């Protein structure tokens, strides 16, 4: 679990990001986000290269004067995608019944809410310590890179091979650019 504090329009927001793998009760977790005002966002891990991508989506969701979705957590998922089709975005960037890995994002969550979520999950939380250990073993720059699927990300962000994507850093820049220009093109 990692925690960040971001300052949006002179208001501090505490962000909690958790990673899970080997999830056995995804259907139960899906029910928790299908309420009108869920307490967390559950995100498809295969399209997330690191926390910067999530923090950018959170920042974008928080500064919107007119959100396009019903709550901040679905707005966060919506802001991850370059598409404006809400239904499509929630299917692609949210979790589904086949998901085994996910990111969980909470905004201004207290310890009680975090523990309540942890008690719901039947899966393995990737803690910062275990992620750092795996990172060292696999020589990964970011601990959560093991879930990231470049081919899936290219498809979701409509990145074609002729865009001079020579390495992962180039791909990350293209993804962040696609997120940043959402709604402007």
C-alpha atoms as a PDB file:
ATOM      1  CA  UNK A   1       0.000   0.000   0.000  1.00  0.00           C
ATOM      2  CA  UNK A   2       1.230   3.437  -0.867  1.00  0.00           C
ATOM      3  CA  UNK A   3      -0.136   6.769   0.290  1.00  0.00           C
ATOM      4  CA  UNK A   4       0.193  10.141  -1.383  1.00  0.00           C
ATOM      5  CA  UNK A   5      -1.056  13.604  -0.566  1.00  0.00           C
ATOM      6  CA  UNK A   6      -1.918  15.801  -3.507  1.00  0.00           C
ATOM      7  CA  UNK A   7      -2.941  19.437  -3.430  1.00  0.00           C
ATOM      8  CA  UNK A   8      -5.818  20.160  -5.803  1.00  0.00           C
ATOM      9  CA  UNK A   9      -7.151  23.705  -5.937  1.00  0.00           C
ATOM     10  CA  UNK A  10      -5.697  24.453  -2.476  1.00  0.00           C
ATOM     11  CA  UNK A  11      -7.371  21.396  -0.991  1.00  0.00           C
ATOM     12  CA  UNK A  12      -5.306  18.440   0.182  1.00  0.00           C
ATOM     13  CA  UNK A  13      -6.455  14.951  -0.783  1.00  0.00           C
ATOM     14  CA  UNK A  14      -4.987  11.785   0.675  1.00  0.00           C
ATOM     15  CA  UNK A  15      -4.678   9.038  -1.918  1.00  0.00           C
ATOM     16  CA  UNK A  16      -4.287   5.362  -1.035  1.00  0.00           C
ATOM     17  CA  UNK A  17      -3.184   2.908  -3.732  1.00  0.00           C
ATOM     18  CA  UNK A  18      -3.102  -0.834  -3.193  1.00  0.00           C
ATOM     19  CA  UNK A  19      -2.249  -3.706  -5.532  1.00  0.00           C
ATOM     20  CA  UNK A  20      -3.721  -7.195  -5.407  1.00  0.00           C
ATOM     21  CA  UNK A  21      -3.102 -10.398  -7.300  1.00  0.00           C
ATOM     22  CA  UNK A  22      -4.544 -13.924  -7.273  1.00  0.00           C
ATOM     23  CA  UNK A  23      -7.997 -12.550  -6.481  1.00  0.00           C
ATOM     24  CA  UNK A  24     -10.558 -15.281  -5.891  1.00  0.00           C
ATOM     25  CA  UNK A  25     -13.712 -13.258  -5.153  1.00  0.00           C
ATOM     26  CA  UNK A  26     -13.803 -10.713  -7.949  1.00  0.00           C
ATOM     27  CA  UNK A  27     -17.597 -10.996  -8.269  1.00  0.00           C
ATOM     28  CA  UNK A  28     -18.055  -9.865  -4.650  1.00  0.00           C
ATOM     29  CA  UNK A  29     -15.681  -6.950  -5.205  1.00  0.00           C
ATOM     30  CA  UNK A  30     -17.509  -5.897  -8.369  1.00  0.00           C
ATOM     31  CA  UNK A  31     -20.695  -5.563  -6.331  1.00  0.00           C
ATOM     32  CA  UNK A  32     -18.977  -3.046  -4.033  1.00  0.00           C
ATOM     33  CA  UNK A  33     -18.384  -0.610  -6.918  1.00  0.00           C
ATOM     34  CA  UNK A  34     -21.783  -0.991  -8.550  1.00  0.00           C
ATOM     35  CA  UNK A  35     -23.415   1.157  -5.865  1.00  0.00           C
ATOM     36  CA  UNK A  36     -24.261   4.771  -6.595  1.00  0.00           C
ATOM     37  CA  UNK A  37     -21.395   6.040  -4.459  1.00  0.00           C
ATOM     38  CA  UNK A  38     -18.647   3.428  -4.063  1.00  0.00           C
ATOM     39  CA  UNK A  39     -15.897   3.986  -1.546  1.00  0.00           C
ATOM     40  CA  UNK A  40     -13.054   2.943  -3.848  1.00  0.00           C
ATOM     41  CA  UNK A  41     -12.065   2.443  -7.469  1.00  0.00           C
ATOM     42  CA  UNK A  42     -11.064  -1.011  -8.708  1.00  0.00           C
ATOM     43  CA  UNK A  43      -8.828  -0.772 -11.752  1.00  0.00           C
ATOM     44  CA  UNK A  44      -7.647  -3.258 -14.362  1.00  0.00           C
ATOM     45  CA  UNK A  45      -3.953  -3.767 -13.545  1.00  0.00           C
ATOM     46  CA  UNK A  46      -2.890  -4.660 -17.093  1.00  0.00           C
ATOM     47  CA  UNK A  47      -3.176  -1.051 -18.317  1.00  0.00           C
ATOM     48  CA  UNK A  48      -1.411   0.683 -15.415  1.00  0.00           C
ATOM     49  CA  UNK A  49       2.342   1.176 -15.749  1.00  0.00           C
ATOM     50  CA  UNK A  50       2.863   2.911 -12.379  1.00  0.00           C
ATOM     51  CA  UNK A  51       1.330   5.199  -9.786  1.00  0.00           C
ATOM     52  CA  UNK A  52       1.980   8.334 -11.859  1.00  0.00           C
ATOM     53  CA  UNK A  53      -0.709   7.222 -14.281  1.00  0.00           C
ATOM     54  CA  UNK A  54      -3.213   6.761 -11.438  1.00  0.00           C
ATOM     55  CA  UNK A  55      -2.267  10.066  -9.805  1.00  0.00           C
ATOM     56  CA  UNK A  56      -2.737  11.896 -13.099  1.00  0.00           C
ATOM     57  CA  UNK A  57      -6.221  10.401 -13.498  1.00  0.00           C
ATOM     58  CA  UNK A  58      -7.083  11.281  -9.887  1.00  0.00           C
ATOM     59  CA  UNK A  59      -5.918  14.864 -10.363  1.00  0.00           C
ATOM     60  CA  UNK A  60      -7.919  15.173 -13.562  1.00  0.00           C
ATOM     61  CA  UNK A  61     -11.036  13.741 -11.899  1.00  0.00           C
ATOM     62  CA  UNK A  62     -10.747  16.093  -8.930  1.00  0.00           C
ATOM     63  CA  UNK A  63     -10.379  19.306 -10.955  1.00  0.00           C
ATOM     64  CA  UNK A  64     -13.363  18.669 -13.234  1.00  0.00           C
ATOM     65  CA  UNK A  65     -16.004  21.299 -12.612  1.00  0.00           C
ATOM     66  CA  UNK A  66     -18.636  19.081 -14.247  1.00  0.00           C
ATOM     67  CA  UNK A  67     -17.872  15.384 -13.710  1.00  0.00           C
ATOM     68  CA  UNK A  68     -19.185  13.106 -16.443  1.00  0.00           C
ATOM     69  CA  UNK A  69     -19.823  10.113 -14.189  1.00  0.00           C
ATOM     70  CA  UNK A  70     -21.888   9.659 -11.050  1.00  0.00           C
ATOM     71  CA  UNK A  71     -19.063   9.701  -8.475  1.00  0.00           C
ATOM     72  CA  UNK A  72     -15.392  10.477  -7.993  1.00  0.00           C
ATOM     73  CA  UNK A  73     -14.260   6.852  -8.125  1.00  0.00           C
ATOM     74  CA  UNK A  74     -15.895   6.108 -11.488  1.00  0.00           C
ATOM     75  CA  UNK A  75     -14.635   9.501 -12.704  1.00  0.00           C
ATOM     76  CA  UNK A  76     -11.113   8.349 -11.825  1.00  0.00           C
ATOM     77  CA  UNK A  77     -11.533   5.201 -13.940  1.00  0.00           C
ATOM     78  CA  UNK A  78     -13.050   7.315 -16.734  1.00  0.00           C
ATOM     79  CA  UNK A  79     -10.068   9.717 -16.672  1.00  0.00           C
ATOM     80  CA  UNK A  80      -7.627   6.840 -17.270  1.00  0.00           C
ATOM     81  CA  UNK A  81      -8.914   6.376 -20.817  1.00  0.00           C
ATOM     82  CA  UNK A  82      -8.637   8.545 -23.929  1.00  0.00           C
ATOM     83  CA  UNK A  83     -12.210   7.526 -24.864  1.00  0.00           C
ATOM     84  CA  UNK A  84     -15.322   9.514 -23.969  1.00  0.00           C
ATOM     85  CA  UNK A  85     -17.617   6.478 -24.041  1.00  0.00           C
ATOM     86  CA  UNK A  86     -18.251   6.002 -20.315  1.00  0.00           C
ATOM     87  CA  UNK A  87     -19.703   2.511 -20.573  1.00  0.00           C
ATOM     88  CA  UNK A  88     -16.787   1.293 -22.730  1.00  0.00           C
ATOM     89  CA  UNK A  89     -14.201   2.904 -20.452  1.00  0.00           C
ATOM     90  CA  UNK A  90     -15.623   1.362 -17.273  1.00  0.00           C
ATOM     91  CA  UNK A  91     -15.539  -2.077 -18.928  1.00  0.00           C
ATOM     92  CA  UNK A  92     -11.979  -1.703 -20.223  1.00  0.00           C
ATOM     93  CA  UNK A  93     -10.316   0.083 -17.319  1.00  0.00           C
ATOM     94  CA  UNK A  94     -12.372  -1.251 -14.433  1.00  0.00           C
ATOM     95  CA  UNK A  95     -12.168  -4.840 -13.281  1.00  0.00           C
ATOM     96  CA  UNK A  96     -14.260  -7.661 -14.740  1.00  0.00           C
ATOM     97  CA  UNK A  97     -15.146 -11.213 -13.713  1.00  0.00           C
ATOM     98  CA  UNK A  98     -11.946 -12.515 -15.349  1.00  0.00           C
ATOM     99  CA  UNK A  99      -9.678 -10.107 -13.450  1.00  0.00           C
ATOM    100  CA  UNK A 100      -7.057 -11.646 -11.193  1.00  0.00           C
ATOM    101  CA  UNK A 101      -4.961  -8.518 -10.571  1.00  0.00           C
ATOM    102  CA  UNK A 102      -6.145  -5.035  -9.734  1.00  0.00           C
ATOM    103  CA  UNK A 103      -5.293  -1.673  -8.305  1.00  0.00           C
ATOM    104  CA  UNK A 104      -7.473  -0.197  -5.603  1.00  0.00           C
ATOM    105  CA  UNK A 105      -7.608   3.573  -5.233  1.00  0.00           C
ATOM    106  CA  UNK A 106      -9.222   5.395  -2.326  1.00  0.00           C
ATOM    107  CA  UNK A 107      -9.503   9.124  -1.802  1.00  0.00           C
ATOM    108  CA  UNK A 108      -9.363  10.459   1.773  1.00  0.00           C
ATOM    109  CA  UNK A 109      -9.760   6.963   3.196  1.00  0.00           C
ATOM    110  CA  UNK A 110      -9.336   6.500   6.916  1.00  0.00           C
ATOM    111  CA  UNK A 111      -7.769   3.381   8.432  1.00  0.00           C
ATOM    112  CA  UNK A 112     -11.196   1.867   9.091  1.00  0.00           C
ATOM    113  CA  UNK A 113     -12.205   2.069   5.425  1.00  0.00           C
ATOM    114  CA  UNK A 114      -8.878   0.618   4.296  1.00  0.00           C
ATOM    115  CA  UNK A 115      -9.171  -2.281   6.731  1.00  0.00           C
ATOM    116  CA  UNK A 116     -12.793  -2.860   5.710  1.00  0.00           C
ATOM    117  CA  UNK A 117     -11.711  -3.195   2.085  1.00  0.00           C
ATOM    118  CA  UNK A 118      -8.803  -5.478   2.967  1.00  0.00           C
ATOM    119  CA  UNK A 119     -11.186  -7.755   4.865  1.00  0.00           C
ATOM    120  CA  UNK A 120     -13.336  -8.136   1.730  1.00  0.00           C
ATOM    121  CA  UNK A 121     -10.557  -9.283  -0.606  1.00  0.00           C
ATOM    122  CA  UNK A 122      -9.634 -12.920  -1.041  1.00  0.00           C
ATOM    123  CA  UNK A 123      -6.318 -12.401  -2.748  1.00  0.00           C
ATOM    124  CA  UNK A 124      -2.733 -11.419  -2.099  1.00  0.00           C
ATOM    125  CA  UNK A 125      -1.973  -7.793  -1.391  1.00  0.00           C
ATOM    126  CA  UNK A 126       1.279  -6.693  -2.933  1.00  0.00           C
ATOM    127  CA  UNK A 127       2.750  -4.674  -0.111  1.00  0.00           C
ATOM    128  CA  UNK A 128       5.433  -2.109  -0.680  1.00  0.00           C
ATOM    129  CA  UNK A 129       8.009  -4.416   0.934  1.00  0.00           C
ATOM    130  CA  UNK A 130       7.135  -7.446  -1.205  1.00  0.00           C
ATOM    131  CA  UNK A 131       6.858  -5.264  -4.296  1.00  0.00           C
ATOM    132  CA  UNK A 132      10.307  -3.799  -3.661  1.00  0.00           C
ATOM    133  CA  UNK A 133      11.676  -7.307  -3.151  1.00  0.00           C
ATOM    134  CA  UNK A 134      10.108  -8.532  -6.413  1.00  0.00           C
ATOM    135  CA  UNK A 135      11.281  -5.355  -8.109  1.00  0.00           C
ATOM    136  CA  UNK A 136      14.856  -6.115  -7.115  1.00  0.00           C
ATOM    137  CA  UNK A 137      14.565  -9.738  -8.238  1.00  0.00           C
ATOM    138  CA  UNK A 138      13.097  -8.826 -11.622  1.00  0.00           C
ATOM    139  CA  UNK A 139      15.067  -5.599 -12.055  1.00  0.00           C
ATOM    140  CA  UNK A 140      11.866  -3.634 -12.480  1.00  0.00           C
ATOM    141  CA  UNK A 141      11.940   0.134 -12.202  1.00  0.00           C
ATOM    142  CA  UNK A 142       8.475   0.257 -10.661  1.00  0.00           C
ATOM    143  CA  UNK A 143       7.133  -2.521  -8.437  1.00  0.00           C
ATOM    144  CA  UNK A 144       3.747  -2.832 -10.147  1.00  0.00           C
ATOM    145  CA  UNK A 145       5.235  -3.293 -13.599  1.00  0.00           C
ATOM    146  CA  UNK A 146       4.672  -7.050 -13.450  1.00  0.00           C
ATOM    147  CA  UNK A 147       0.961  -6.547 -14.228  1.00  0.00           C
ATOM    148  CA  UNK A 148       1.420  -4.032 -17.048  1.00  0.00           C
ATOM    149  CA  UNK A 149       0.729  -5.458 -20.508  1.00  0.00           C
ATOM    150  CA  UNK A 150       2.184  -3.242 -23.236  1.00  0.00           C
ATOM    151  CA  UNK A 151       0.079  -4.799 -25.986  1.00  0.00           C
ATOM    152  CA  UNK A 152      -3.168  -4.288 -24.072  1.00  0.00           C
ATOM    153  CA  UNK A 153      -2.145  -0.728 -23.190  1.00  0.00           C
ATOM    154  CA  UNK A 154      -1.313   0.083 -26.817  1.00  0.00           C
ATOM    155  CA  UNK A 155      -4.720  -1.188 -27.869  1.00  0.00           C
ATOM    156  CA  UNK A 156      -6.608   0.689 -25.127  1.00  0.00           C
ATOM    157  CA  UNK A 157      -4.763   3.940 -25.779  1.00  0.00           C
ATOM    158  CA  UNK A 158      -4.908   3.487 -29.571  1.00  0.00           C
ATOM    159  CA  UNK A 159      -1.152   3.667 -29.943  1.00  0.00           C
ATOM    160  CA  UNK A 160       0.089   2.330 -33.252  1.00  0.00           C
ATOM    161  CA  UNK A 161       3.549   0.920 -33.864  1.00  0.00           C
ATOM    162  CA  UNK A 162       4.541   3.733 -36.207  1.00  0.00           C
ATOM    163  CA  UNK A 163       4.461   6.264 -33.338  1.00  0.00           C
ATOM    164  CA  UNK A 164       8.169   5.751 -32.603  1.00  0.00           C
ATOM    165  CA  UNK A 165       7.592   3.722 -29.452  1.00  0.00           C
ATOM    166  CA  UNK A 166      11.147   2.521 -28.924  1.00  0.00           C
ATOM    167  CA  UNK A 167      11.010   1.663 -25.241  1.00  0.00           C
ATOM    168  CA  UNK A 168       8.734   1.568 -22.215  1.00  0.00           C
ATOM    169  CA  UNK A 169       9.445   5.205 -21.351  1.00  0.00           C
ATOM    170  CA  UNK A 170       8.201   6.283 -24.797  1.00  0.00           C
ATOM    171  CA  UNK A 171       5.056   4.213 -24.322  1.00  0.00           C
ATOM    172  CA  UNK A 172       4.458   5.740 -20.890  1.00  0.00           C
ATOM    173  CA  UNK A 173       4.751   9.240 -22.373  1.00  0.00           C
ATOM    174  CA  UNK A 174       2.245   8.375 -25.107  1.00  0.00           C
ATOM    175  CA  UNK A 175      -0.195   7.017 -22.513  1.00  0.00           C
ATOM    176  CA  UNK A 176       0.093  10.123 -20.330  1.00  0.00           C
ATOM    177  CA  UNK A 177      -0.298  12.334 -23.413  1.00  0.00           C
ATOM    178  CA  UNK A 178      -3.442  10.442 -24.457  1.00  0.00           C
ATOM    179  CA  UNK A 179      -4.885  10.944 -20.976  1.00  0.00           C
ATOM    180  CA  UNK A 180      -3.941  14.636 -20.910  1.00  0.00           C
ATOM    181  CA  UNK A 181      -5.600  15.547 -24.212  1.00  0.00           C
ATOM    182  CA  UNK A 182      -8.827  13.677 -23.461  1.00  0.00           C
ATOM    183  CA  UNK A 183     -11.765  15.810 -24.493  1.00  0.00           C
ATOM    184  CA  UNK A 184      -9.644  18.299 -26.423  1.00  0.00           C
ATOM    185  CA  UNK A 185      -9.355  16.393 -29.693  1.00  0.00           C
END
